[in-house]
C-alpha atoms as a PDB file:
ATOM      1  CA  MET A   1    -152.836-173.113-114.544  1.00  0.00           C
ATOM      2  CA  LEU A   2    -155.697-176.146-115.643  1.00  0.00           C
ATOM      3  CA  ALA A   3    -157.205-174.524-111.987  1.00  0.00           C
ATOM      4  CA  VAL A   4    -157.424-171.334-113.264  1.00  0.00           C
ATOM      5  CA  SER A   5    -158.673-171.151-116.581  1.00  0.00           C
ATOM      6  CA  THR A   6    -161.201-173.550-115.647  1.00  0.00           C
ATOM      7  CA  SER A   7    -162.447-171.882-112.826  1.00  0.00           C
ATOM      8  CA  CYS A   8    -162.736-168.515-114.875  1.00  0.00           C
ATOM      9  CA  LYS A   9    -164.846-170.826-117.306  1.00  0.00           C
ATOM     10  CA  PHE A  10    -167.066-171.997-114.672  1.00  0.00           C
ATOM     11  CA  TYR A  11    -167.672-168.749-112.621  1.00  0.00           C
ATOM     12  CA  ASP A  12    -167.453-165.733-115.781  1.00  0.00           C
ATOM     13  CA  ASP A  13    -169.202-165.611-119.394  1.00  0.00           C
ATOM     14  CA  MET A  14    -166.097-163.728-120.379  1.00  0.00           C
ATOM     15  CA  PHE A  15    -162.828-165.769-120.080  1.00  0.00           C
ATOM     16  CA  CYS A  16    -160.219-166.044-122.219  1.00  0.00           C
ATOM     17  CA  SER A  17    -159.023-168.713-125.082  1.00  0.00           C
ATOM     18  CA  ASN A  18    -157.152-171.851-124.240  1.00  0.00           C
ATOM     19  CA  ALA A  19    -154.335-170.600-126.941  1.00  0.00           C
ATOM     20  CA  PHE A  20    -154.031-167.692-124.435  1.00  0.00           C
ATOM     21  CA  TYR A  21    -153.704-169.361-121.412  1.00  0.00           C
ATOM     22  CA  ALA A  22    -151.198-171.949-123.625  1.00  0.00           C
ATOM     23  CA  GLU A  23    -149.523-169.433-124.348  1.00  0.00           C
ATOM     24  CA  VAL A  24    -149.164-168.371-120.875  1.00  0.00           C
ATOM     25  CA  GLY A  25    -148.331-171.223-119.309  1.00  0.00           C
ATOM     26  CA  LEU A  26    -145.656-172.156-121.778  1.00  0.00           C
ATOM     27  CA  VAL A  27    -147.258-175.256-123.566  1.00  0.00           C
ATOM     28  CA  ASP A  28    -149.190-176.381-126.962  1.00  0.00           C
ATOM     29  CA  LEU A  29    -152.586-175.529-127.225  1.00  0.00           C
ATOM     30  CA  SER A  30    -152.861-179.501-128.412  1.00  0.00           C
ATOM     31  CA  GLU A  31    -151.397-180.705-125.185  1.00  0.00           C
ATOM     32  CA  PHE A  32    -153.519-177.524-123.155  1.00  0.00           C
ATOM     33  CA  ASN A  33    -156.753-179.068-124.283  1.00  0.00           C
ATOM     34  CA  LEU A  34    -155.735-182.485-123.536  1.00  0.00           C
ATOM     35  CA  MET A  35    -154.323-181.570-119.515  1.00  0.00           C
ATOM     36  CA  GLU A  36    -157.861-179.850-119.281  1.00  0.00           C
ATOM     37  CA  ASN A  37    -159.703-182.338-120.398  1.00  0.00           C
ATOM     38  CA  ARG A  38    -157.934-185.176-118.076  1.00  0.00           C
ATOM     39  CA  PHE A  39    -158.515-182.160-115.086  1.00  0.00           C
ATOM     40  CA  LEU A  40    -161.896-181.942-115.805  1.00  0.00           C
ATOM     41  CA  ALA A  41    -162.352-185.973-115.847  1.00  0.00           C
ATOM     42  CA  LEU A  42    -160.243-186.416-112.372  1.00  0.00           C
ATOM     43  CA  MET A  43    -162.346-183.496-110.944  1.00  0.00           C
ATOM     44  CA  GLU A  44    -165.495-185.329-112.214  1.00  0.00           C
ATOM     45  CA  PHE A  45    -166.466-183.006-113.016  1.00  0.00           C
ATOM     46  CA  ARG A  46    -167.350-181.030-110.209  1.00  0.00           C
ATOM     47  CA  LEU A  47    -166.380-178.159-110.263  1.00  0.00           C
ATOM     48  CA  LEU A  48    -168.687-176.520-107.831  1.00  0.00           C
ATOM     49  CA  VAL A  49    -167.804-175.737-103.999  1.00  0.00           C
ATOM     50  CA  GLU A  50    -170.754-174.974-102.040  1.00  0.00           C
ATOM     51  CA  ASN A  51    -168.680-173.775 -98.938  1.00  0.00           C
ATOM     52  CA  PRO A  52    -169.364-170.078 -99.251  1.00  0.00           C
ATOM     53  CA  GLY A  53    -166.846-168.545 -97.064  1.00  0.00           C
ATOM     54  CA  PHE A  54    -164.195-170.430 -98.947  1.00  0.00           C
ATOM     55  CA  VAL A  55    -165.271-169.440-102.031  1.00  0.00           C
ATOM     56  CA  GLU A  56    -165.318-166.222-100.959  1.00  0.00           C
ATOM     57  CA  ASN A  57    -161.490-166.118 -99.474  1.00  0.00           C
ATOM     58  CA  GLN A  58    -160.420-168.250-102.653  1.00  0.00           C
ATOM     59  CA  LEU A  59    -161.884-165.543-105.031  1.00  0.00           C
ATOM     60  CA  LYS A  60    -160.026-162.335-103.367  1.00  0.00           C
ATOM     61  CA  ASN A  61    -157.080-164.338-103.150  1.00  0.00           C
ATOM     62  CA  PHE A  62    -157.554-164.981-107.140  1.00  0.00           C
ATOM     63  CA  ILE A  63    -158.128-161.501-107.850  1.00  0.00           C
ATOM     64  CA  TYR A  64    -155.433-160.219-107.069  1.00  0.00           C
ATOM     65  CA  SER A  65    -153.207-162.648-108.021  1.00  0.00           C
ATOM     66  CA  ALA A  66    -154.755-162.201-111.431  1.00  0.00           C
ATOM     67  CA  THR A  67    -154.531-157.977-111.387  1.00  0.00           C
ATOM     68  CA  VAL A  68    -150.588-158.659-110.410  1.00  0.00           C
ATOM     69  CA  ARG A  69    -150.399-161.421-113.523  1.00  0.00           C
ATOM     70  CA  GLN A  70    -152.404-159.186-115.819  1.00  0.00           C
ATOM     71  CA  PHE A  71    -150.399-156.368-115.225  1.00  0.00           C
ATOM     72  CA  ALA A  72    -147.147-157.991-115.635  1.00  0.00           C
ATOM     73  CA  PHE A  73    -148.466-160.093-119.034  1.00  0.00           C
ATOM     74  CA  ARG A  74    -149.907-156.677-120.400  1.00  0.00           C
ATOM     75  CA  LYS A  75    -146.684-155.748-122.158  1.00  0.00           C
ATOM     76  CA  LEU A  76    -146.030-159.213-122.851  1.00  0.00           C
ATOM     77  CA  LEU A  77    -149.019-160.471-125.014  1.00  0.00           C
ATOM     78  CA  PRO A  78    -151.479-159.832-127.398  1.00  0.00           C
ATOM     79  CA  ARG A  79    -154.499-158.244-126.180  1.00  0.00           C
ATOM     80  CA  SER A  80    -156.818-159.416-128.728  1.00  0.00           C
ATOM     81  CA  ASP A  81    -157.060-163.291-126.900  1.00  0.00           C
ATOM     82  CA  CYS A  82    -158.070-161.788-123.711  1.00  0.00           C
ATOM     83  CA  ASP A  83    -159.493-158.848-123.244  1.00  0.00           C
ATOM     84  CA  PRO A  84    -160.754-158.881-119.614  1.00  0.00           C
ATOM     85  CA  ARG A  85    -162.777-154.928-120.161  1.00  0.00           C
END
């Protein structure tokens, strides 16, 4: 959950709020924020992967799984916090 939200923020100018990710992950927003800070610290704030083949394959997998999840969550959550359009 943290890796996905962080990568979305890193690679795209339009991303969901932490409140949205916390709700999807069934955690409190303050807990999510703390986990995100800890995750970034453990990653030493190095989020760029410099192997183009790796990034391309991972993005294809992420887009497929995100499309499936978006379809599943569309009816469960309001669109105000995260509207990918």
